[in-house]
Amino acid sequence: MAAVYRLLRCGAAARYPARRWLSVRVDATFPASLAAAKRDPGGRGVHWVFLGCPGVGKGTYASRLSQILGVPHIATGDLVREELAASGPLAQQLAEIVNHGQLVSDEIILRLLSKRLEDGEAKGESGFILDGFPRTIRQAEKLEEVTEIDLVVNLKLREDALLAKCIGRRICSHCGGNYNLASVNIKGENGNPDIVMAPLLPPEECASKLITRSDDTEEVVKERLRIYHEMSEPVEEFYRARGKLLEFDLPGGIPESWAKLLRALNLIDNDDKQSAAA
C-alpha cells in the first residue's frame, strides 16, 4: 500500500479538470459469503468504492459495511470537513469551494486522502471502503494505477428524494451524530415504485443541538447534483466497462434497503440474518 501513498502524492502535484426497485449488474468479483469477506488479521481487506449522488447515503451504508468487514470507511467529504474545521489558508480555500456547491479539486482531495492513508498504514490498517472518491475519470485512472479495486457499489435514488434528504440533513454540534428530519413519501410513476423514507430523528439529548451544513441549501444541493451528473457519472461507465460495477437502486430508507444490499453483496450468512435486519 505504500506505493499508493507515494503515487497519490505525485498526483497531487498536478491539477486535473475537474423501473425496478432493485437493479443489479454483477460483473465484479466479490466475496461469496460474509465469512469469505472477513479476512484474517494479516490478510488483505476488501478494496471497495461507493459511488452515488450527494445525499444518497453512501456514508451510512459504507460505514455499516466497514464495521462488518473490519476495514476503515474513508469518506473524502469527512476529510474535507475536518480540514474546514482547522485554521489556515487551505481551510479558507475549501470554504469558498464548498459554499458554492463546487467540487474540490483533485489536487486537494489527493493531498487529504494521501495523508489519511499514510496515517492508516502506520496504524496497521488493511483494506478500505472509499466514499466520495474517485469523482472524476482522472481520479479513477490514478487510483487504478496504484491499487486494485475489487468492487464499486453505485447507489441510486431518484432526484426529488435526494433533494429532500439533503435539505433534511442535520448534525449534532455536540456529539457529531448525523440525523435527518426529512419525511420522504413520493408516489411512484412511470412504472417506478413509491419511495418512502422515515426521518432519522436524534435522541432527546441531541434534539436542541442540531445544526445544518452550510452546503445543504436547496440552491447548493441542486448545483452539486448538476455537477455530479456532468462530471462523475462517467466514472460509473469507467468501472462498468471493467466489470466491477454493482448498481443498486435504493427501495427506501435503511430498514427497507440494508438487508437487500447485504444480499446483493452476498454478505448474509445464515447466522447473520437477524443482525442484518437491525
C-alpha atoms as a PDB file:
ATOM      1  CA  MET A   1       0.000   0.000   0.000  1.00  0.00           C
ATOM      2  CA  ALA A   2       2.970   2.325   0.407  1.00  0.00           C
ATOM      3  CA  ALA A   3       3.048   2.739  -3.371  1.00  0.00           C
ATOM      4  CA  VAL A   4      -0.494   4.056  -3.198  1.00  0.00           C
ATOM      5  CA  TYR A   5       0.535   6.913  -0.970  1.00  0.00           C
ATOM      6  CA  ARG A   6       3.642   7.790  -2.995  1.00  0.00           C
ATOM      7  CA  LEU A   7       1.739   7.984  -6.273  1.00  0.00           C
ATOM      8  CA  LEU A   8      -1.160   9.849  -4.712  1.00  0.00           C
ATOM      9  CA  ARG A   9       1.331  12.449  -3.545  1.00  0.00           C
ATOM     10  CA  CYS A  10       2.737  12.631  -7.083  1.00  0.00           C
ATOM     11  CA  GLY A  11      -0.777  13.028  -8.453  1.00  0.00           C
ATOM     12  CA  ALA A  12      -1.377  15.919  -6.090  1.00  0.00           C
ATOM     13  CA  ALA A  13       1.300  17.872  -7.869  1.00  0.00           C
ATOM     14  CA  ALA A  14      -0.925  18.229 -10.943  1.00  0.00           C
ATOM     15  CA  ARG A  15      -4.424  19.712 -11.020  1.00  0.00           C
ATOM     16  CA  TYR A  16      -6.900  17.886 -13.268  1.00  0.00           C
ATOM     17  CA  PRO A  17     -10.207  19.182 -14.738  1.00  0.00           C
ATOM     18  CA  ALA A  18     -12.370  18.791 -12.688  1.00  0.00           C
ATOM     19  CA  ARG A  19     -38.209   0.895 -13.092  1.00  0.00           C
ATOM     20  CA  ARG A  20     -37.248  -1.711 -10.745  1.00  0.00           C
ATOM     21  CA  TRP A  21     -36.750  -1.359  -7.032  1.00  0.00           C
ATOM     22  CA  LEU A  22     -33.500  -3.286  -7.384  1.00  0.00           C
ATOM     23  CA  SER A  23     -31.265  -3.091 -10.419  1.00  0.00           C
ATOM     24  CA  VAL A  24     -28.098  -5.119 -10.046  1.00  0.00           C
ATOM     25  CA  ARG A  25     -25.460  -5.861 -12.614  1.00  0.00           C
ATOM     26  CA  VAL A  26     -22.782  -8.017 -11.056  1.00  0.00           C
ATOM     27  CA  ASP A  27     -19.718  -8.467 -13.219  1.00  0.00           C
ATOM     28  CA  ALA A  28     -17.403  -7.864 -10.295  1.00  0.00           C
ATOM     29  CA  THR A  29     -15.668 -10.456  -8.173  1.00  0.00           C
ATOM     30  CA  PHE A  30     -16.551 -10.078  -4.522  1.00  0.00           C
ATOM     31  CA  PRO A  31     -16.806 -12.429  -1.554  1.00  0.00           C
ATOM     32  CA  ALA A  32     -19.298 -15.275  -1.911  1.00  0.00           C
ATOM     33  CA  SER A  33     -20.160 -15.044   1.782  1.00  0.00           C
ATOM     34  CA  LEU A  34     -19.618 -12.935   4.848  1.00  0.00           C
ATOM     35  CA  ALA A  35     -17.099 -15.457   6.136  1.00  0.00           C
ATOM     36  CA  ALA A  36     -15.044 -15.020   2.968  1.00  0.00           C
ATOM     37  CA  ALA A  37     -15.164 -11.252   3.290  1.00  0.00           C
ATOM     38  CA  LYS A  38     -13.846 -11.276   6.857  1.00  0.00           C
ATOM     39  CA  ARG A  39     -10.160 -11.700   6.161  1.00  0.00           C
ATOM     40  CA  ASP A  40      -7.519 -12.966   8.533  1.00  0.00           C
ATOM     41  CA  PRO A  41      -5.902 -10.180  10.583  1.00  0.00           C
ATOM     42  CA  GLY A  42      -2.736 -10.401   8.499  1.00  0.00           C
ATOM     43  CA  GLY A  43      -4.526 -10.633   5.151  1.00  0.00           C
ATOM     44  CA  ARG A  44      -5.714  -8.057   2.639  1.00  0.00           C
ATOM     45  CA  GLY A  45      -9.064  -6.473   3.375  1.00  0.00           C
ATOM     46  CA  VAL A  46     -11.559  -5.542   0.703  1.00  0.00           C
ATOM     47  CA  HIS A  47     -10.837  -2.607  -1.600  1.00  0.00           C
ATOM     48  CA  TRP A  48     -14.275  -1.182  -2.328  1.00  0.00           C
ATOM     49  CA  VAL A  49     -15.575   2.128  -3.646  1.00  0.00           C
ATOM     50  CA  PHE A  50     -19.021   3.640  -3.060  1.00  0.00           C
ATOM     51  CA  LEU A  51     -20.442   5.898  -5.778  1.00  0.00           C
ATOM     52  CA  GLY A  52     -23.687   7.858  -5.883  1.00  0.00           C
ATOM     53  CA  CYS A  53     -25.166  11.345  -5.915  1.00  0.00           C
ATOM     54  CA  PRO A  54     -24.757  13.634  -2.900  1.00  0.00           C
ATOM     55  CA  GLY A  55     -27.208  12.634  -0.188  1.00  0.00           C
ATOM     56  CA  VAL A  56     -27.860   9.118  -1.488  1.00  0.00           C
ATOM     57  CA  GLY A  57     -26.499   7.508   1.685  1.00  0.00           C
ATOM     58  CA  LYS A  58     -23.002   6.435   0.672  1.00  0.00           C
ATOM     59  CA  GLY A  59     -21.615   7.292   4.095  1.00  0.00           C
ATOM     60  CA  THR A  60     -24.321   5.447   6.016  1.00  0.00           C
ATOM     61  CA  TYR A  61     -24.034   2.177   4.105  1.00  0.00           C
ATOM     62  CA  ALA A  62     -20.240   2.317   3.718  1.00  0.00           C
ATOM     63  CA  SER A  63     -19.860   2.910   7.470  1.00  0.00           C
ATOM     64  CA  ARG A  64     -22.076  -0.071   8.330  1.00  0.00           C
ATOM     65  CA  LEU A  65     -20.200  -2.323   5.908  1.00  0.00           C
ATOM     66  CA  SER A  66     -16.822  -1.192   7.242  1.00  0.00           C
ATOM     67  CA  GLN A  67     -17.823  -2.430  10.702  1.00  0.00           C
ATOM     68  CA  ILE A  68     -18.887  -5.806   9.304  1.00  0.00           C
ATOM     69  CA  LEU A  69     -15.783  -6.252   7.158  1.00  0.00           C
ATOM     70  CA  GLY A  70     -13.249  -4.796   9.577  1.00  0.00           C
ATOM     71  CA  VAL A  71     -11.802  -2.195   7.203  1.00  0.00           C
ATOM     72  CA  PRO A  72     -11.809   1.599   7.530  1.00  0.00           C
ATOM     73  CA  HIS A  73     -14.515   3.717   5.954  1.00  0.00           C
ATOM     74  CA  ILE A  74     -12.722   6.642   4.334  1.00  0.00           C
ATOM     75  CA  ALA A  75     -15.044   9.456   3.268  1.00  0.00           C
ATOM     76  CA  THR A  76     -13.332  12.241   1.376  1.00  0.00           C
ATOM     77  CA  GLY A  77     -16.216  14.513   2.352  1.00  0.00           C
ATOM     78  CA  ASP A  78     -15.333  13.967   6.018  1.00  0.00           C
ATOM     79  CA  LEU A  79     -11.678  14.671   5.259  1.00  0.00           C
ATOM     80  CA  VAL A  80     -12.698  17.970   3.686  1.00  0.00           C
ATOM     81  CA  ARG A  81     -14.941  18.895   6.627  1.00  0.00           C
ATOM     82  CA  GLU A  82     -12.179  18.079   9.106  1.00  0.00           C
ATOM     83  CA  GLU A  83      -9.853  20.366   7.202  1.00  0.00           C
ATOM     84  CA  LEU A  84     -12.547  23.055   7.095  1.00  0.00           C
ATOM     85  CA  ALA A  85     -12.700  22.956  10.883  1.00  0.00           C
ATOM     86  CA  ALA A  86      -8.994  23.709  11.059  1.00  0.00           C
ATOM     87  CA  SER A  87      -7.465  27.133  10.583  1.00  0.00           C
ATOM     88  CA  GLY A  88      -5.227  28.191   7.743  1.00  0.00           C
ATOM     89  CA  PRO A  89      -5.280  29.080   4.050  1.00  0.00           C
ATOM     90  CA  LEU A  90      -6.441  25.629   2.875  1.00  0.00           C
ATOM     91  CA  ALA A  91      -9.495  25.806   5.144  1.00  0.00           C
ATOM     92  CA  GLN A  92     -10.394  29.213   3.701  1.00  0.00           C
ATOM     93  CA  GLN A  93      -9.964  27.937   0.147  1.00  0.00           C
ATOM     94  CA  LEU A  94     -12.147  24.908   0.845  1.00  0.00           C
ATOM     95  CA  ALA A  95     -14.890  27.032   2.425  1.00  0.00           C
ATOM     96  CA  GLU A  96     -15.180  29.119  -0.738  1.00  0.00           C
ATOM     97  CA  ILE A  97     -15.427  25.987  -2.909  1.00  0.00           C
ATOM     98  CA  VAL A  98     -17.907  24.072  -0.736  1.00  0.00           C
ATOM     99  CA  ASN A  99     -20.225  27.009  -0.077  1.00  0.00           C
ATOM    100  CA  HIS A 100     -20.698  27.439  -3.834  1.00  0.00           C
ATOM    101  CA  GLY A 101     -21.502  23.760  -4.361  1.00  0.00           C
ATOM    102  CA  GLN A 102     -18.399  23.137  -6.455  1.00  0.00           C
ATOM    103  CA  LEU A 103     -16.208  20.037  -6.487  1.00  0.00           C
ATOM    104  CA  VAL A 104     -12.966  20.218  -4.555  1.00  0.00           C
ATOM    105  CA  SER A 105     -10.007  19.933  -6.924  1.00  0.00           C
ATOM    106  CA  ASP A 106      -8.148  16.666  -7.448  1.00  0.00           C
ATOM    107  CA  GLU A 107      -5.017  18.268  -6.030  1.00  0.00           C
ATOM    108  CA  ILE A 108      -6.643  18.970  -2.664  1.00  0.00           C
ATOM    109  CA  ILE A 109      -8.537  15.674  -2.447  1.00  0.00           C
ATOM    110  CA  LEU A 110      -5.414  13.670  -3.275  1.00  0.00           C
ATOM    111  CA  ARG A 111      -3.450  15.566  -0.654  1.00  0.00           C
ATOM    112  CA  LEU A 112      -6.030  14.862   2.057  1.00  0.00           C
ATOM    113  CA  LEU A 113      -6.531  11.225   1.028  1.00  0.00           C
ATOM    114  CA  SER A 114      -2.804  10.585   0.895  1.00  0.00           C
ATOM    115  CA  LYS A 115      -2.400  11.794   4.469  1.00  0.00           C
ATOM    116  CA  ARG A 116      -5.333   9.659   5.644  1.00  0.00           C
ATOM    117  CA  LEU A 117      -3.951   6.508   4.010  1.00  0.00           C
ATOM    118  CA  GLU A 118      -0.488   7.110   5.414  1.00  0.00           C
ATOM    119  CA  ASP A 119      -1.927   7.535   8.909  1.00  0.00           C
ATOM    120  CA  GLY A 120      -3.910   4.311   8.464  1.00  0.00           C
ATOM    121  CA  GLU A 121      -0.882   2.372   7.277  1.00  0.00           C
ATOM    122  CA  ALA A 122       1.018   3.480  10.345  1.00  0.00           C
ATOM    123  CA  LYS A 123      -1.810   2.065  12.493  1.00  0.00           C
ATOM    124  CA  GLY A 124      -1.802  -1.277  10.643  1.00  0.00           C
ATOM    125  CA  GLU A 125      -4.973  -0.828   8.611  1.00  0.00           C
ATOM    126  CA  SER A 126      -5.536  -3.209   5.701  1.00  0.00           C
ATOM    127  CA  GLY A 127      -8.124  -2.583   3.016  1.00  0.00           C
ATOM    128  CA  PHE A 128     -10.670   0.215   2.801  1.00  0.00           C
ATOM    129  CA  ILE A 129     -14.082   1.349   1.649  1.00  0.00           C
ATOM    130  CA  LEU A 130     -13.743   4.668  -0.171  1.00  0.00           C
ATOM    131  CA  ASP A 131     -16.687   7.050  -0.111  1.00  0.00           C
ATOM    132  CA  GLY A 132     -16.640  10.121  -2.358  1.00  0.00           C
ATOM    133  CA  PHE A 133     -13.531   9.129  -4.319  1.00  0.00           C
ATOM    134  CA  PRO A 134     -12.981   8.844  -7.223  1.00  0.00           C
ATOM    135  CA  ARG A 135     -15.271  11.544  -8.618  1.00  0.00           C
ATOM    136  CA  THR A 136     -13.617  12.052 -11.986  1.00  0.00           C
ATOM    137  CA  ILE A 137     -12.135   9.824 -14.686  1.00  0.00           C
ATOM    138  CA  ARG A 138      -8.663  11.142 -13.948  1.00  0.00           C
ATOM    139  CA  GLN A 139      -9.053  10.284 -10.260  1.00  0.00           C
ATOM    140  CA  ALA A 140     -10.237   6.792 -11.196  1.00  0.00           C
ATOM    141  CA  GLU A 141      -7.276   6.341 -13.515  1.00  0.00           C
ATOM    142  CA  LYS A 142      -4.850   7.463 -10.816  1.00  0.00           C
ATOM    143  CA  LEU A 143      -6.406   5.104  -8.280  1.00  0.00           C
ATOM    144  CA  GLU A 144      -6.233   2.195 -10.752  1.00  0.00           C
ATOM    145  CA  GLU A 145      -2.524   2.806 -11.303  1.00  0.00           C
ATOM    146  CA  VAL A 146      -1.677   2.241  -7.679  1.00  0.00           C
ATOM    147  CA  THR A 147      -4.152  -0.284  -6.243  1.00  0.00           C
ATOM    148  CA  GLU A 148      -6.666  -2.876  -7.400  1.00  0.00           C
ATOM    149  CA  ILE A 149     -10.293  -2.052  -6.682  1.00  0.00           C
ATOM    150  CA  ASP A 150     -12.375  -5.183  -6.078  1.00  0.00           C
ATOM    151  CA  LEU A 151     -15.869  -3.746  -6.335  1.00  0.00           C
ATOM    152  CA  VAL A 152     -17.641  -0.440  -6.986  1.00  0.00           C
ATOM    153  CA  VAL A 153     -21.102  -0.078  -5.445  1.00  0.00           C
ATOM    154  CA  ASN A 154     -23.242   2.519  -7.217  1.00  0.00           C
ATOM    155  CA  LEU A 155     -26.163   3.608  -5.017  1.00  0.00           C
ATOM    156  CA  LYS A 156     -29.067   5.158  -6.937  1.00  0.00           C
ATOM    157  CA  LEU A 157     -32.111   7.163  -5.828  1.00  0.00           C
ATOM    158  CA  ARG A 158     -34.496   9.413  -7.741  1.00  0.00           C
ATOM    159  CA  GLU A 159     -33.519  13.081  -7.644  1.00  0.00           C
ATOM    160  CA  ASP A 160     -36.579  14.504  -5.861  1.00  0.00           C
ATOM    161  CA  ALA A 161     -35.951  12.116  -2.974  1.00  0.00           C
ATOM    162  CA  LEU A 162     -32.269  13.069  -2.952  1.00  0.00           C
ATOM    163  CA  LEU A 163     -33.119  16.755  -2.730  1.00  0.00           C
ATOM    164  CA  ALA A 164     -35.474  16.206   0.204  1.00  0.00           C
ATOM    165  CA  LYS A 165     -32.887  14.078   2.023  1.00  0.00           C
ATOM    166  CA  CYS A 166     -30.080  16.616   1.587  1.00  0.00           C
ATOM    167  CA  ILE A 167     -32.170  19.529   2.815  1.00  0.00           C
ATOM    168  CA  GLY A 168     -33.301  17.466   5.815  1.00  0.00           C
ATOM    169  CA  ARG A 169     -29.794  16.542   6.985  1.00  0.00           C
ATOM    170  CA  ARG A 170     -28.687  17.716  10.422  1.00  0.00           C
ATOM    171  CA  ILE A 171     -25.563  17.242  12.541  1.00  0.00           C
ATOM    172  CA  CYS A 172     -25.400  17.291  16.332  1.00  0.00           C
ATOM    173  CA  SER A 173     -22.976  20.062  17.269  1.00  0.00           C
ATOM    174  CA  HIS A 174     -22.120  18.212  20.491  1.00  0.00           C
ATOM    175  CA  CYS A 175     -21.568  14.551  19.526  1.00  0.00           C
ATOM    176  CA  GLY A 176     -21.188  14.862  15.737  1.00  0.00           C
ATOM    177  CA  GLY A 177     -24.053  12.420  15.060  1.00  0.00           C
ATOM    178  CA  ASN A 178     -25.817  12.564  11.694  1.00  0.00           C
ATOM    179  CA  TYR A 179     -29.613  12.756  11.552  1.00  0.00           C
ATOM    180  CA  ASN A 180     -32.298  13.589   9.011  1.00  0.00           C
ATOM    181  CA  LEU A 181     -35.555  15.420   9.625  1.00  0.00           C
ATOM    182  CA  ALA A 182     -36.998  14.756   6.161  1.00  0.00           C
ATOM    183  CA  SER A 183     -40.039  12.500   5.845  1.00  0.00           C
ATOM    184  CA  VAL A 184     -39.952  11.357   2.214  1.00  0.00           C
ATOM    185  CA  ASN A 185     -43.153   9.984   0.725  1.00  0.00           C
ATOM    186  CA  ILE A 186     -43.100  10.146  -3.069  1.00  0.00           C
ATOM    187  CA  LYS A 187     -45.679   8.376  -5.203  1.00  0.00           C
ATOM    188  CA  GLY A 188     -44.348   6.130  -7.924  1.00  0.00           C
ATOM    189  CA  GLU A 189     -44.850   6.987 -11.563  1.00  0.00           C
ATOM    190  CA  ASN A 190     -43.939   5.576 -14.985  1.00  0.00           C
ATOM    191  CA  GLY A 191     -43.706   2.093 -13.529  1.00  0.00           C
ATOM    192  CA  ASN A 192     -41.409   3.115 -10.679  1.00  0.00           C
ATOM    193  CA  PRO A 193     -42.360   2.187  -7.090  1.00  0.00           C
ATOM    194  CA  ASP A 194     -43.245   4.558  -4.282  1.00  0.00           C
ATOM    195  CA  ILE A 195     -40.303   5.905  -2.278  1.00  0.00           C
ATOM    196  CA  VAL A 196     -40.937   6.124   1.455  1.00  0.00           C
ATOM    197  CA  MET A 197     -38.195   7.137   3.870  1.00  0.00           C
ATOM    198  CA  ALA A 198     -38.895   7.846   7.511  1.00  0.00           C
ATOM    199  CA  PRO A 199     -36.915  10.604   9.248  1.00  0.00           C
ATOM    200  CA  LEU A 200     -33.849   9.611  11.238  1.00  0.00           C
ATOM    201  CA  LEU A 201     -34.568  11.596  14.380  1.00  0.00           C
ATOM    202  CA  PRO A 202     -31.968  12.406  17.045  1.00  0.00           C
ATOM    203  CA  PRO A 203     -32.172  11.263  20.675  1.00  0.00           C
ATOM    204  CA  GLU A 204     -33.605  13.765  23.126  1.00  0.00           C
ATOM    205  CA  GLU A 205     -30.198  14.944  24.297  1.00  0.00           C
ATOM    206  CA  CYS A 206     -29.222  15.955  20.741  1.00  0.00           C
ATOM    207  CA  ALA A 207     -32.532  17.490  19.608  1.00  0.00           C
ATOM    208  CA  SER A 208     -31.639  21.033  20.699  1.00  0.00           C
ATOM    209  CA  LYS A 209     -28.088  20.863  19.339  1.00  0.00           C
ATOM    210  CA  LEU A 210     -28.795  20.176  15.657  1.00  0.00           C
ATOM    211  CA  ILE A 211     -27.123  22.296  13.003  1.00  0.00           C
ATOM    212  CA  THR A 212     -27.441  22.391   9.221  1.00  0.00           C
ATOM    213  CA  ARG A 213     -24.417  22.001   6.983  1.00  0.00           C
ATOM    214  CA  SER A 214     -23.672  25.204   5.079  1.00  0.00           C
ATOM    215  CA  ASP A 215     -23.856  23.332   1.760  1.00  0.00           C
ATOM    216  CA  ASP A 216     -27.274  21.764   2.436  1.00  0.00           C
ATOM    217  CA  THR A 217     -29.417  24.522   0.952  1.00  0.00           C
ATOM    218  CA  GLU A 218     -31.716  23.787  -1.988  1.00  0.00           C
ATOM    219  CA  GLU A 219     -29.718  26.002  -4.349  1.00  0.00           C
ATOM    220  CA  VAL A 220     -26.377  24.460  -3.429  1.00  0.00           C
ATOM    221  CA  VAL A 221     -27.716  20.883  -3.448  1.00  0.00           C
ATOM    222  CA  LYS A 222     -29.162  21.323  -6.951  1.00  0.00           C
ATOM    223  CA  GLU A 223     -25.827  22.665  -8.138  1.00  0.00           C
ATOM    224  CA  ARG A 224     -24.000  19.722  -6.556  1.00  0.00           C
ATOM    225  CA  LEU A 225     -26.347  17.273  -8.299  1.00  0.00           C
ATOM    226  CA  ARG A 226     -25.830  19.048 -11.635  1.00  0.00           C
ATOM    227  CA  ILE A 227     -22.070  18.851 -11.249  1.00  0.00           C
ATOM    228  CA  TYR A 228     -22.290  15.209 -10.247  1.00  0.00           C
ATOM    229  CA  HIS A 229     -24.250  14.247 -13.352  1.00  0.00           C
ATOM    230  CA  GLU A 230     -21.888  16.234 -15.545  1.00  0.00           C
ATOM    231  CA  MET A 231     -18.559  15.076 -14.164  1.00  0.00           C
ATOM    232  CA  SER A 232     -18.997  11.974 -12.036  1.00  0.00           C
ATOM    233  CA  GLU A 233     -21.381   9.737 -13.972  1.00  0.00           C
ATOM    234  CA  PRO A 234     -18.616   8.896 -16.490  1.00  0.00           C
ATOM    235  CA  VAL A 235     -16.824   7.245 -13.554  1.00  0.00           C
ATOM    236  CA  GLU A 236     -19.694   4.750 -13.404  1.00  0.00           C
ATOM    237  CA  GLU A 237     -19.049   3.814 -17.033  1.00  0.00           C
ATOM    238  CA  PHE A 238     -15.316   3.569 -16.314  1.00  0.00           C
ATOM    239  CA  TYR A 239     -15.933   0.795 -13.784  1.00  0.00           C
ATOM    240  CA  ARG A 240     -18.843  -0.736 -15.701  1.00  0.00           C
ATOM    241  CA  ALA A 241     -16.517  -1.299 -18.653  1.00  0.00           C
ATOM    242  CA  ARG A 242     -14.109  -3.104 -16.314  1.00  0.00           C
ATOM    243  CA  GLY A 243     -16.820  -5.392 -14.946  1.00  0.00           C
ATOM    244  CA  LYS A 244     -16.555  -4.006 -11.410  1.00  0.00           C
ATOM    245  CA  LEU A 245     -19.817  -2.094 -11.043  1.00  0.00           C
ATOM    246  CA  LEU A 246     -22.693  -3.184  -8.812  1.00  0.00           C
ATOM    247  CA  GLU A 247     -25.737  -0.940  -9.361  1.00  0.00           C
ATOM    248  CA  PHE A 248     -28.234  -0.812  -6.505  1.00  0.00           C
ATOM    249  CA  ASP A 249     -31.477   1.184  -6.667  1.00  0.00           C
ATOM    250  CA  LEU A 250     -32.437   2.037  -3.087  1.00  0.00           C
ATOM    251  CA  PRO A 251     -36.017   0.871  -2.440  1.00  0.00           C
ATOM    252  CA  GLY A 252     -36.461   3.200   0.544  1.00  0.00           C
ATOM    253  CA  GLY A 253     -34.766   4.066   3.806  1.00  0.00           C
ATOM    254  CA  ILE A 254     -32.328   1.971   5.815  1.00  0.00           C
ATOM    255  CA  PRO A 255     -34.917  -0.548   7.113  1.00  0.00           C
ATOM    256  CA  GLU A 256     -36.026  -1.332   3.542  1.00  0.00           C
ATOM    257  CA  SER A 257     -32.589  -1.213   1.930  1.00  0.00           C
ATOM    258  CA  TRP A 258     -29.975  -2.596   4.328  1.00  0.00           C
ATOM    259  CA  ALA A 259     -30.773  -6.315   4.213  1.00  0.00           C
ATOM    260  CA  LYS A 260     -31.355  -6.141   0.439  1.00  0.00           C
ATOM    261  CA  LEU A 261     -27.954  -4.530  -0.055  1.00  0.00           C
ATOM    262  CA  LEU A 262     -26.281  -7.214   2.044  1.00  0.00           C
ATOM    263  CA  ARG A 263     -27.954  -9.884  -0.071  1.00  0.00           C
ATOM    264  CA  ALA A 264     -26.849  -8.151  -3.273  1.00  0.00           C
ATOM    265  CA  LEU A 265     -23.295  -8.229  -1.916  1.00  0.00           C
ATOM    266  CA  ASN A 266     -23.586 -11.885  -0.800  1.00  0.00           C
ATOM    267  CA  LEU A 267     -22.804 -10.769   2.742  1.00  0.00           C
ATOM    268  CA  ILE A 268     -25.559 -12.552   4.645  1.00  0.00           C
ATOM    269  CA  ASP A 269     -24.660 -15.864   6.216  1.00  0.00           C
ATOM    270  CA  ASN A 270     -27.449 -17.844   7.858  1.00  0.00           C
ATOM    271  CA  ASP A 271     -26.438 -16.757  11.356  1.00  0.00           C
ATOM    272  CA  ASP A 272     -26.310 -13.106  10.315  1.00  0.00           C
ATOM    273  CA  LYS A 273     -29.882 -12.636   9.098  1.00  0.00           C
ATOM    274  CA  GLN A 274     -31.086 -11.320  12.431  1.00  0.00           C
ATOM    275  CA  SER A 275     -28.340  -8.678  12.700  1.00  0.00           C
ATOM    276  CA  ALA A 276     -28.924  -7.575   9.101  1.00  0.00           C
ATOM    277  CA  ALA A 277     -32.455  -6.569   9.944  1.00  0.00           C
ATOM    278  CA  ALA A 278     -31.378  -4.432  12.917  1.00  0.00           C
END
